[in-house]
Amino acid sequence: ARNYGVEVLAFTWPSNGGGTLTGTASYKSDKRDAKASIGA
C-alpha cells in the first residue's frame, strides 16, 4: 500500500507448514494447506 499507492485486500490462509514441521515436511504440509484453501 505504501510503496505503490494501492488499497490492499489480503487473503491469508494457514501456511505455517504444520506448525512444528520444518524442511520438506513443512513444505509438503503447506502444499496440502494450499489445496485445502482453494474453496475459500
Full PDB file with SEQRES, HELIX, SHEET, SSBOND, CRYST1, ORIGX, SCALE, CONECT and MASTER records, all heavy atoms in Angstrom:
SEQRES   1 A   40  ALA ARG ASN TYR GLY VAL GLU VAL LEU ALA PHE THR TRP          
SEQRES   2 A   40  PRO SER ASN GLY GLY GLY THR LEU THR GLY THR ALA SER          
SEQRES   3 A   40  TYR LYS SER ASP LYS ARG ASP ALA LYS ALA SER ILE GLY          
SEQRES   4 A   40  ALA                                                          
HELIX    1 AA1 GLY A   23  ALA A   36  1                                  14    
CRYST1    1.000    1.000    1.000  90.00  90.00  90.00 P 1           1          
ORIGX1      1.000000  0.000000  0.000000        0.00000                         
ORIGX2      0.000000  1.000000  0.000000        0.00000                         
ORIGX3      0.000000  0.000000  1.000000        0.00000                         
SCALE1      1.000000  0.000000  0.000000        0.00000                         
SCALE2      0.000000  1.000000  0.000000        0.00000                         
SCALE3      0.000000  0.000000  1.000000        0.00000                         
ATOM      1  N   ALA A   1       0.835  -1.208   0.000  1.00  0.00           N  
ATOM      2  CA  ALA A   1       0.000   0.000   0.000  1.00  0.00           C  
ATOM      3  C   ALA A   1       0.868   1.255   0.000  1.00  0.00           C  
ATOM      4  O   ALA A   1       0.605   2.213  -0.733  1.00  0.00           O  
ATOM      5  CB  ALA A   1      -0.935  -0.017   1.212  1.00  0.00           C  
ATOM      6  N   ARG A   2       1.917   1.242   0.818  1.00  0.00           N  
ATOM      7  CA  ARG A   2       2.779   2.418   0.964  1.00  0.00           C  
ATOM      8  C   ARG A   2       3.614   2.662  -0.298  1.00  0.00           C  
ATOM      9  O   ARG A   2       3.718   3.798  -0.780  1.00  0.00           O  
ATOM     10  CB  ARG A   2       3.696   2.208   2.167  1.00  0.00           C  
ATOM     11  CG  ARG A   2       4.646   3.355   2.461  1.00  0.00           C  
ATOM     12  CD  ARG A   2       5.412   3.104   3.748  1.00  0.00           C  
ATOM     13  NE  ARG A   2       6.212   1.886   3.699  1.00  0.00           N  
ATOM     14  CZ  ARG A   2       5.937   0.768   4.369  1.00  0.00           C  
ATOM     15  NH1 ARG A   2       4.874   0.706   5.144  1.00  0.00           N  
ATOM     16  NH2 ARG A   2       6.725  -0.288   4.279  1.00  0.00           N  
ATOM     17  N   ASN A   3       4.197   1.619  -0.854  1.00  0.00           N  
ATOM     18  CA  ASN A   3       5.114   1.771  -1.990  1.00  0.00           C  
ATOM     19  C   ASN A   3       4.409   2.037  -3.310  1.00  0.00           C  
ATOM     20  O   ASN A   3       4.981   2.678  -4.203  1.00  0.00           O  
ATOM     21  CB  ASN A   3       5.985   0.516  -2.135  1.00  0.00           C  
ATOM     22  CG  ASN A   3       7.001   0.388  -1.024  1.00  0.00           C  
ATOM     23  OD1 ASN A   3       7.559   1.383  -0.557  1.00  0.00           O  
ATOM     24  ND2 ASN A   3       7.241  -0.830  -0.577  1.00  0.00           N  
ATOM     25  N   TYR A   4       3.165   1.559  -3.436  1.00  0.00           N  
ATOM     26  CA  TYR A   4       2.509   1.620  -4.750  1.00  0.00           C  
ATOM     27  C   TYR A   4       1.192   2.383  -4.745  1.00  0.00           C  
ATOM     28  O   TYR A   4       0.531   2.453  -5.776  1.00  0.00           O  
ATOM     29  CB  TYR A   4       2.299   0.192  -5.274  1.00  0.00           C  
ATOM     30  CG  TYR A   4       3.605  -0.560  -5.372  1.00  0.00           C  
ATOM     31  CD1 TYR A   4       3.888  -1.618  -4.505  1.00  0.00           C  
ATOM     32  CD2 TYR A   4       4.578  -0.191  -6.296  1.00  0.00           C  
ATOM     33  CE1 TYR A   4       5.105  -2.292  -4.573  1.00  0.00           C  
ATOM     34  CE2 TYR A   4       5.789  -0.859  -6.368  1.00  0.00           C  
ATOM     35  CZ  TYR A   4       6.049  -1.907  -5.508  1.00  0.00           C  
ATOM     36  OH  TYR A   4       7.254  -2.560  -5.581  1.00  0.00           O  
ATOM     37  N   GLY A   5       0.814   2.966  -3.605  1.00  0.00           N  
ATOM     38  CA  GLY A   5      -0.374   3.807  -3.553  1.00  0.00           C  
ATOM     39  C   GLY A   5      -1.660   3.071  -3.844  1.00  0.00           C  
ATOM     40  O   GLY A   5      -2.575   3.626  -4.448  1.00  0.00           O  
ATOM     41  N   VAL A   6      -1.753   1.788  -3.424  1.00  0.00           N  
ATOM     42  CA  VAL A   6      -2.937   0.978  -3.683  1.00  0.00           C  
ATOM     43  C   VAL A   6      -3.639   0.641  -2.374  1.00  0.00           C  
ATOM     44  O   VAL A   6      -3.039   0.696  -1.295  1.00  0.00           O  
ATOM     45  CB  VAL A   6      -2.581  -0.323  -4.432  1.00  0.00           C  
ATOM     46  CG1 VAL A   6      -2.107  -0.027  -5.842  1.00  0.00           C  
ATOM     47  CG2 VAL A   6      -1.536  -1.131  -3.665  1.00  0.00           C  
ATOM     48  N   GLU A   7      -4.910   0.305  -2.479  1.00  0.00           N  
ATOM     49  CA  GLU A   7      -5.651  -0.277  -1.360  1.00  0.00           C  
ATOM     50  C   GLU A   7      -5.485  -1.784  -1.450  1.00  0.00           C  
ATOM     51  O   GLU A   7      -5.747  -2.382  -2.503  1.00  0.00           O  
ATOM     52  CB  GLU A   7      -7.130   0.101  -1.445  1.00  0.00           C  
ATOM     53  CG  GLU A   7      -7.981  -0.445  -0.319  1.00  0.00           C  
ATOM     54  CD  GLU A   7      -7.704   0.209   1.014  1.00  0.00           C  
ATOM     55  OE1 GLU A   7      -7.214   1.364   1.028  1.00  0.00           O  
ATOM     56  OE2 GLU A   7      -7.995  -0.428   2.051  1.00  0.00           O  
ATOM     57  N   VAL A   8      -5.039  -2.420  -0.364  1.00  0.00           N  
ATOM     58  CA  VAL A   8      -4.745  -3.854  -0.394  1.00  0.00           C  
ATOM     59  C   VAL A   8      -5.828  -4.627   0.351  1.00  0.00           C  
ATOM     60  O   VAL A   8      -6.172  -4.297   1.490  1.00  0.00           O  
ATOM     61  CB  VAL A   8      -3.366  -4.156   0.226  1.00  0.00           C  
ATOM     62  CG1 VAL A   8      -3.100  -5.656   0.237  1.00  0.00           C  
ATOM     63  CG2 VAL A   8      -2.264  -3.429  -0.552  1.00  0.00           C  
ATOM     64  N   LEU A   9      -6.344  -5.647  -0.303  1.00  0.00           N  
ATOM     65  CA  LEU A   9      -7.226  -6.620   0.318  1.00  0.00           C  
ATOM     66  C   LEU A   9      -6.491  -7.950   0.292  1.00  0.00           C  
ATOM     67  O   LEU A   9      -6.231  -8.496  -0.784  1.00  0.00           O  
ATOM     68  CB  LEU A   9      -8.547  -6.726  -0.440  1.00  0.00           C  
ATOM     69  CG  LEU A   9      -9.515  -7.832  -0.003  1.00  0.00           C  
ATOM     70  CD1 LEU A   9     -10.003  -7.585   1.427  1.00  0.00           C  
ATOM     71  CD2 LEU A   9     -10.697  -7.939  -0.955  1.00  0.00           C  
ATOM     72  N   ALA A  10      -6.107  -8.451   1.469  1.00  0.00           N  
ATOM     73  CA  ALA A  10      -5.281  -9.661   1.533  1.00  0.00           C  
ATOM     74  C   ALA A  10      -6.116 -10.874   1.917  1.00  0.00           C  
ATOM     75  O   ALA A  10      -6.958 -10.797   2.819  1.00  0.00           O  
ATOM     76  CB  ALA A  10      -4.153  -9.468   2.548  1.00  0.00           C  
ATOM     77  N   PHE A  11      -5.871 -11.975   1.218  1.00  0.00           N  
ATOM     78  CA  PHE A  11      -6.426 -13.271   1.614  1.00  0.00           C  
ATOM     79  C   PHE A  11      -5.311 -14.043   2.289  1.00  0.00           C  
ATOM     80  O   PHE A  11      -4.270 -14.306   1.683  1.00  0.00           O  
ATOM     81  CB  PHE A  11      -6.944 -14.044   0.402  1.00  0.00           C  
ATOM     82  CG  PHE A  11      -7.332 -15.467   0.729  1.00  0.00           C  
ATOM     83  CD1 PHE A  11      -8.429 -15.732   1.540  1.00  0.00           C  
ATOM     84  CD2 PHE A  11      -6.594 -16.533   0.242  1.00  0.00           C  
ATOM     85  CE1 PHE A  11      -8.778 -17.041   1.855  1.00  0.00           C  
ATOM     86  CE2 PHE A  11      -6.936 -17.850   0.545  1.00  0.00           C  
ATOM     87  CZ  PHE A  11      -8.032 -18.105   1.362  1.00  0.00           C  
ATOM     88  N   THR A  12      -5.495 -14.395   3.568  1.00  0.00           N  
ATOM     89  CA  THR A  12      -4.474 -15.140   4.284  1.00  0.00           C  
ATOM     90  C   THR A  12      -4.987 -16.518   4.658  1.00  0.00           C  
ATOM     91  O   THR A  12      -6.056 -16.669   5.230  1.00  0.00           O  
ATOM     92  CB  THR A  12      -3.970 -14.378   5.534  1.00  0.00           C  
ATOM     93  OG1 THR A  12      -3.012 -15.196   6.224  1.00  0.00           O  
ATOM     94  CG2 THR A  12      -5.081 -13.979   6.484  1.00  0.00           C  
ATOM     95  N   TRP A  13      -4.207 -17.514   4.297  1.00  0.00           N  
ATOM     96  CA  TRP A  13      -4.559 -18.918   4.502  1.00  0.00           C  
ATOM     97  C   TRP A  13      -3.533 -19.566   5.421  1.00  0.00           C  
ATOM     98  O   TRP A  13      -2.421 -19.062   5.569  1.00  0.00           O  
ATOM     99  CB  TRP A  13      -4.617 -19.644   3.148  1.00  0.00           C  
ATOM    100  CG  TRP A  13      -3.423 -19.465   2.263  1.00  0.00           C  
ATOM    101  CD1 TRP A  13      -3.106 -18.352   1.535  1.00  0.00           C  
ATOM    102  CD2 TRP A  13      -2.374 -20.407   2.029  1.00  0.00           C  
ATOM    103  NE1 TRP A  13      -1.929 -18.552   0.850  1.00  0.00           N  
ATOM    104  CE2 TRP A  13      -1.457 -19.803   1.127  1.00  0.00           C  
ATOM    105  CE3 TRP A  13      -2.124 -21.710   2.473  1.00  0.00           C  
ATOM    106  CZ2 TRP A  13      -0.314 -20.455   0.686  1.00  0.00           C  
ATOM    107  CZ3 TRP A  13      -0.986 -22.370   2.027  1.00  0.00           C  
ATOM    108  CH2 TRP A  13      -0.094 -21.732   1.139  1.00  0.00           C  
ATOM    109  N   PRO A  14      -3.900 -20.666   6.098  1.00  0.00           N  
ATOM    110  CA  PRO A  14      -2.955 -21.305   7.020  1.00  0.00           C  
ATOM    111  C   PRO A  14      -1.761 -21.847   6.256  1.00  0.00           C  
ATOM    112  O   PRO A  14      -1.872 -22.839   5.543  1.00  0.00           O  
ATOM    113  CB  PRO A  14      -3.770 -22.454   7.642  1.00  0.00           C  
ATOM    114  CG  PRO A  14      -5.191 -22.154   7.319  1.00  0.00           C  
ATOM    115  CD  PRO A  14      -5.182 -21.387   6.040  1.00  0.00           C  
ATOM    116  N   SER A  15      -0.617 -21.200   6.397  1.00  0.00           N  
ATOM    117  CA  SER A  15       0.554 -21.588   5.593  1.00  0.00           C  
ATOM    118  C   SER A  15       1.786 -21.686   6.474  1.00  0.00           C  
ATOM    119  O   SER A  15       2.859 -21.242   6.113  1.00  0.00           O  
ATOM    120  CB  SER A  15       0.791 -20.557   4.483  1.00  0.00           C  
ATOM    121  OG  SER A  15       1.037 -19.285   5.048  1.00  0.00           O  
ATOM    122  N   ASN A  16       1.605 -22.276   7.643  1.00  0.00           N  
ATOM    123  CA  ASN A  16       2.721 -22.359   8.581  1.00  0.00           C  
ATOM    124  C   ASN A  16       3.514 -23.639   8.443  1.00  0.00           C  
ATOM    125  O   ASN A  16       4.401 -23.913   9.231  1.00  0.00           O  
ATOM    126  CB  ASN A  16       2.198 -22.270  10.016  1.00  0.00           C  
ATOM    127  CG  ASN A  16       1.402 -23.512  10.390  1.00  0.00           C  
ATOM    128  OD1 ASN A  16       0.580 -23.969   9.609  1.00  0.00           O  
ATOM    129  ND2 ASN A  16       1.660 -24.060  11.560  1.00  0.00           N  
ATOM    130  N   GLY A  17       3.169 -24.455   7.447  1.00  0.00           N  
ATOM    131  CA  GLY A  17       3.891 -25.717   7.287  1.00  0.00           C  
ATOM    132  C   GLY A  17       3.627 -26.696   8.411  1.00  0.00           C  
ATOM    133  O   GLY A  17       4.487 -27.499   8.765  1.00  0.00           O  
ATOM    134  N   GLY A  18       2.410 -26.643   8.970  1.00  0.00           N  
ATOM    135  CA  GLY A  18       2.057 -27.613  10.007  1.00  0.00           C  
ATOM    136  C   GLY A  18       2.555 -27.249  11.386  1.00  0.00           C  
ATOM    137  O   GLY A  18       2.603 -28.081  12.278  1.00  0.00           O  
ATOM    138  N   GLY A  19       2.969 -25.999  11.582  1.00  0.00           N  
ATOM    139  CA  GLY A  19       3.334 -25.540  12.917  1.00  0.00           C  
ATOM    140  C   GLY A  19       4.744 -25.928  13.307  1.00  0.00           C  
ATOM    141  O   GLY A  19       5.666 -25.142  13.187  1.00  0.00           O  
ATOM    142  N   THR A  20       4.942 -27.161  13.784  1.00  0.00           N  
ATOM    143  CA  THR A  20       6.254 -27.584  14.285  1.00  0.00           C  
ATOM    144  C   THR A  20       7.091 -28.261  13.219  1.00  0.00           C  
ATOM    145  O   THR A  20       8.258 -28.562  13.449  1.00  0.00           O  
ATOM    146  CB  THR A  20       6.082 -28.558  15.468  1.00  0.00           C  
ATOM    147  OG1 THR A  20       5.311 -29.683  15.027  1.00  0.00           O  
ATOM    148  CG2 THR A  20       5.371 -27.878  16.631  1.00  0.00           C  
ATOM    149  N   LEU A  21       6.518 -28.522  12.042  1.00  0.00           N  
ATOM    150  CA  LEU A  21       7.272 -29.195  10.993  1.00  0.00           C  
ATOM    151  C   LEU A  21       8.249 -28.242  10.330  1.00  0.00           C  
ATOM    152  O   LEU A  21       8.019 -27.039  10.251  1.00  0.00           O  
ATOM    153  CB  LEU A  21       6.314 -29.755   9.938  1.00  0.00           C  
ATOM    154  CG  LEU A  21       5.301 -30.793  10.423  1.00  0.00           C  
ATOM    155  CD1 LEU A  21       4.366 -31.165   9.290  1.00  0.00           C  
ATOM    156  CD2 LEU A  21       6.004 -32.032  10.964  1.00  0.00           C  
ATOM    157  N   THR A  22       9.343 -28.781   9.826  1.00  0.00           N  
ATOM    158  CA  THR A  22      10.327 -27.960   9.112  1.00  0.00           C  
ATOM    159  C   THR A  22      10.767 -28.693   7.855  1.00  0.00           C  
ATOM    160  O   THR A  22      10.492 -29.868   7.660  1.00  0.00           O  
ATOM    161  CB  THR A  22      11.562 -27.690   9.989  1.00  0.00           C  
ATOM    162  OG1 THR A  22      12.143 -28.943  10.371  1.00  0.00           O  
ATOM    163  CG2 THR A  22      11.196 -26.900  11.238  1.00  0.00           C  
ATOM    164  N   GLY A  23      11.502 -27.966   6.986  1.00  0.00           N  
ATOM    165  CA  GLY A  23      12.084 -28.564   5.795  1.00  0.00           C  
ATOM    166  C   GLY A  23      11.042 -29.119   4.842  1.00  0.00           C  
ATOM    167  O   GLY A  23       9.994 -28.527   4.617  1.00  0.00           O  
ATOM    168  N   THR A  24      11.349 -30.284   4.282  1.00  0.00           N  
ATOM    169  CA  THR A  24      10.469 -30.891   3.291  1.00  0.00           C  
ATOM    170  C   THR A  24       9.084 -31.157   3.849  1.00  0.00           C  
ATOM    171  O   THR A  24       8.076 -30.936   3.186  1.00  0.00           O  
ATOM    172  CB  THR A  24      11.084 -32.207   2.776  1.00  0.00           C  
ATOM    173  OG1 THR A  24      12.323 -31.918   2.157  1.00  0.00           O  
ATOM    174  CG2 THR A  24      10.168 -32.873   1.763  1.00  0.00           C  
ATOM    175  N   ALA A  25       9.007 -31.657   5.099  1.00  0.00           N  
ATOM    176  CA  ALA A  25       7.704 -31.949   5.709  1.00  0.00           C  
ATOM    177  C   ALA A  25       6.863 -30.689   5.800  1.00  0.00           C  
ATOM    178  O   ALA A  25       5.662 -30.694   5.540  1.00  0.00           O  
ATOM    179  CB  ALA A  25       7.894 -32.563   7.090  1.00  0.00           C  
ATOM    180  N   SER A  26       7.499 -29.574   6.165  1.00  0.00           N  
ATOM    181  CA  SER A  26       6.793 -28.300   6.245  1.00  0.00           C  
ATOM    182  C   SER A  26       6.279 -27.873   4.876  1.00  0.00           C  
ATOM    183  O   SER A  26       5.138 -27.443   4.725  1.00  0.00           O  
ATOM    184  CB  SER A  26       7.734 -27.218   6.801  1.00  0.00           C  
ATOM    185  OG  SER A  26       7.164 -25.939   6.691  1.00  0.00           O  
ATOM    186  N   TYR A  27       7.136 -28.013   3.871  1.00  0.00           N  
ATOM    187  CA  TYR A  27       6.765 -27.595   2.518  1.00  0.00           C  
ATOM    188  C   TYR A  27       5.599 -28.434   1.990  1.00  0.00           C  
ATOM    189  O   TYR A  27       4.643 -27.909   1.421  1.00  0.00           O  
ATOM    190  CB  TYR A  27       7.982 -27.744   1.603  1.00  0.00           C  
ATOM    191  CG  TYR A  27       7.783 -27.231   0.210  1.00  0.00           C  
ATOM    192  CD1 TYR A  27       7.800 -25.860  -0.046  1.00  0.00           C  
ATOM    193  CD2 TYR A  27       7.594 -28.101  -0.851  1.00  0.00           C  
ATOM    194  CE1 TYR A  27       7.634 -25.383  -1.331  1.00  0.00           C  
ATOM    195  CE2 TYR A  27       7.430 -27.623  -2.136  1.00  0.00           C  
ATOM    196  CZ  TYR A  27       7.457 -26.266  -2.377  1.00  0.00           C  
ATOM    197  OH  TYR A  27       7.282 -25.793  -3.639  1.00  0.00           O  
ATOM    198  N   LYS A  28       5.652 -29.751   2.212  1.00  0.00           N  
ATOM    199  CA  LYS A  28       4.559 -30.614   1.774  1.00  0.00           C  
ATOM    200  C   LYS A  28       3.268 -30.275   2.504  1.00  0.00           C  
ATOM    201  O   LYS A  28       2.180 -30.295   1.923  1.00  0.00           O  
ATOM    202  CB  LYS A  28       4.918 -32.080   2.011  1.00  0.00           C  
ATOM    203  CG  LYS A  28       5.934 -32.646   1.033  1.00  0.00           C  
ATOM    204  CD  LYS A  28       6.173 -34.127   1.319  1.00  0.00           C  
ATOM    205  CE  LYS A  28       7.083 -34.750   0.264  1.00  0.00           C  
ATOM    206  NZ  LYS A  28       7.332 -36.177   0.542  1.00  0.00           N  
ATOM    207  N   SER A  29       3.389 -29.951   3.803  1.00  0.00           N  
ATOM    208  CA  SER A  29       2.207 -29.601   4.577  1.00  0.00           C  
ATOM    209  C   SER A  29       1.576 -28.327   4.042  1.00  0.00           C  
ATOM    210  O   SER A  29       0.350 -28.220   3.952  1.00  0.00           O  
ATOM    211  CB  SER A  29       2.585 -29.411   6.051  1.00  0.00           C  
ATOM    212  OG  SER A  29       1.453 -29.040   6.813  1.00  0.00           O  
ATOM    213  N   ASP A  30       2.403 -27.346   3.671  1.00  0.00           N  
ATOM    214  CA  ASP A  30       1.859 -26.101   3.124  1.00  0.00           C  
ATOM    215  C   ASP A  30       1.162 -26.341   1.790  1.00  0.00           C  
ATOM    216  O   ASP A  30       0.170 -25.687   1.482  1.00  0.00           O  
ATOM    217  CB  ASP A  30       2.974 -25.057   2.951  1.00  0.00           C  
ATOM    218  CG  ASP A  30       2.918 -24.012   4.055  1.00  0.00           C  
ATOM    219  OD1 ASP A  30       2.499 -24.373   5.159  1.00  0.00           O  
ATOM    220  OD2 ASP A  30       3.275 -22.856   3.803  1.00  0.00           O  
ATOM    221  N   LYS A  31       1.687 -27.250   0.981  1.00  0.00           N  
ATOM    222  CA  LYS A  31       1.020 -27.557  -0.285  1.00  0.00           C  
ATOM    223  C   LYS A  31      -0.342 -28.185  -0.022  1.00  0.00           C  
ATOM    224  O   LYS A  31      -1.318 -27.890  -0.721  1.00  0.00           O  
ATOM    225  CB  LYS A  31       1.895 -28.482  -1.136  1.00  0.00           C  
ATOM    226  CG  LYS A  31       3.153 -27.813  -1.662  1.00  0.00           C  
ATOM    227  CD  LYS A  31       3.996 -28.727  -2.513  1.00  0.00           C  
ATOM    228  CE  LYS A  31       3.482 -28.791  -3.938  1.00  0.00           C  
ATOM    229  NZ  LYS A  31       4.414 -29.519  -4.823  1.00  0.00           N  
ATOM    230  N   ARG A  32      -0.445 -29.011   1.016  1.00  0.00           N  
ATOM    231  CA  ARG A  32      -1.751 -29.563   1.386  1.00  0.00           C  
ATOM    232  C   ARG A  32      -2.671 -28.461   1.895  1.00  0.00           C  
ATOM    233  O   ARG A  32      -3.862 -28.428   1.588  1.00  0.00           O  
ATOM    234  CB  ARG A  32      -1.589 -30.668   2.433  1.00  0.00           C  
ATOM    235  CG  ARG A  32      -1.029 -31.966   1.883  1.00  0.00           C  
ATOM    236  CD  ARG A  32      -1.180 -33.102   2.881  1.00  0.00           C  
ATOM    237  NE  ARG A  32      -0.369 -32.884   4.069  1.00  0.00           N  
ATOM    238  CZ  ARG A  32       0.890 -33.297   4.189  1.00  0.00           C  
ATOM    239  NH1 ARG A  32       1.477 -33.942   3.193  1.00  0.00           N  
ATOM    240  NH2 ARG A  32       1.567 -33.085   5.297  1.00  0.00           N  
ATOM    241  N   ASP A  33      -2.111 -27.540   2.719  1.00  0.00           N  
ATOM    242  CA  ASP A  33      -2.906 -26.413   3.211  1.00  0.00           C  
ATOM    243  C   ASP A  33      -3.426 -25.567   2.045  1.00  0.00           C  
ATOM    244  O   ASP A  33      -4.564 -25.100   2.057  1.00  0.00           O  
ATOM    245  CB  ASP A  33      -2.062 -25.514   4.134  1.00  0.00           C  
ATOM    246  CG  ASP A  33      -1.794 -26.157   5.485  1.00  0.00           C  
ATOM    247  OD1 ASP A  33      -2.525 -27.102   5.836  1.00  0.00           O  
ATOM    248  OD2 ASP A  33      -0.869 -25.706   6.176  1.00  0.00           O  
ATOM    249  N   ALA A  34      -2.553 -25.367   1.047  1.00  0.00           N  
ATOM    250  CA  ALA A  34      -2.958 -24.569  -0.110  1.00  0.00           C  
ATOM    251  C   ALA A  34      -4.122 -25.227  -0.838  1.00  0.00           C  
ATOM    252  O   ALA A  34      -5.112 -24.577  -1.176  1.00  0.00           O  
ATOM    253  CB  ALA A  34      -1.769 -24.377  -1.058  1.00  0.00           C  
ATOM    254  N   LYS A  35      -4.013 -26.535  -1.065  1.00  0.00           N  
ATOM    255  CA  LYS A  35      -5.104 -27.229  -1.745  1.00  0.00           C  
ATOM    256  C   LYS A  35      -6.391 -27.175  -0.931  1.00  0.00           C  
ATOM    257  O   LYS A  35      -7.486 -27.028  -1.476  1.00  0.00           O  
ATOM    258  CB  LYS A  35      -4.711 -28.679  -2.029  1.00  0.00           C  
ATOM    259  CG  LYS A  35      -3.750 -28.838  -3.204  1.00  0.00           C  
ATOM    260  CD  LYS A  35      -3.542 -30.304  -3.555  1.00  0.00           C  
ATOM    261  CE  LYS A  35      -2.680 -30.453  -4.796  1.00  0.00           C  
ATOM    262  NZ  LYS A  35      -2.461 -31.858  -5.173  1.00  0.00           N  
ATOM    263  N   ALA A  36      -6.267 -27.279   0.396  1.00  0.00           N  
ATOM    264  CA  ALA A  36      -7.450 -27.223   1.259  1.00  0.00           C  
ATOM    265  C   ALA A  36      -8.104 -25.852   1.234  1.00  0.00           C  
ATOM    266  O   ALA A  36      -9.296 -25.721   1.518  1.00  0.00           O  
ATOM    267  CB  ALA A  36      -7.066 -27.598   2.688  1.00  0.00           C  
ATOM    268  N   SER A  37      -7.331 -24.823   0.874  1.00  0.00           N  
ATOM    269  CA  SER A  37      -7.845 -23.449   0.895  1.00  0.00           C  
ATOM    270  C   SER A  37      -8.395 -22.985  -0.449  1.00  0.00           C  
ATOM    271  O   SER A  37      -8.809 -21.835  -0.583  1.00  0.00           O  
ATOM    272  CB  SER A  37      -6.725 -22.490   1.342  1.00  0.00           C  
ATOM    273  OG  SER A  37      -6.316 -22.794   2.659  1.00  0.00           O  
ATOM    274  N   ILE A  38      -8.411 -23.867  -1.439  1.00  0.00           N  
ATOM    275  CA  ILE A  38      -8.891 -23.484  -2.773  1.00  0.00           C  
ATOM    276  C   ILE A  38     -10.314 -22.962  -2.713  1.00  0.00           C  
ATOM    277  O   ILE A  38     -10.645 -21.917  -3.288  1.00  0.00           O  
ATOM    278  CB  ILE A  38      -8.805 -24.685  -3.742  1.00  0.00           C  
ATOM    279  CG1 ILE A  38      -7.352 -25.046  -4.017  1.00  0.00           C  
ATOM    280  CG2 ILE A  38      -9.523 -24.370  -5.057  1.00  0.00           C  
ATOM    281  CD1 ILE A  38      -7.184 -26.404  -4.689  1.00  0.00           C  
ATOM    282  N   GLY A  39     -11.185 -23.678  -2.012  1.00  0.00           N  
ATOM    283  CA  GLY A  39     -12.593 -23.274  -1.936  1.00  0.00           C  
ATOM    284  C   GLY A  39     -12.757 -21.922  -1.273  1.00  0.00           C  
ATOM    285  O   GLY A  39     -13.624 -21.126  -1.670  1.00  0.00           O  
ATOM    286  N   ALA A  40     -11.920 -21.638  -0.264  1.00  0.00           N  
ATOM    287  CA  ALA A  40     -12.006 -20.344   0.425  1.00  0.00           C  
ATOM    288  C   ALA A  40     -11.615 -19.203  -0.518  1.00  0.00           C  
ATOM    289  O   ALA A  40     -12.296 -18.176  -0.585  1.00  0.00           O  
ATOM    290  CB  ALA A  40     -11.109 -20.356   1.665  1.00  0.00           C  
TER     291      ALA A  40                                                      
MASTER        0    0    0    1    0    0    0    6  290    1    0    4          
END                                                                             
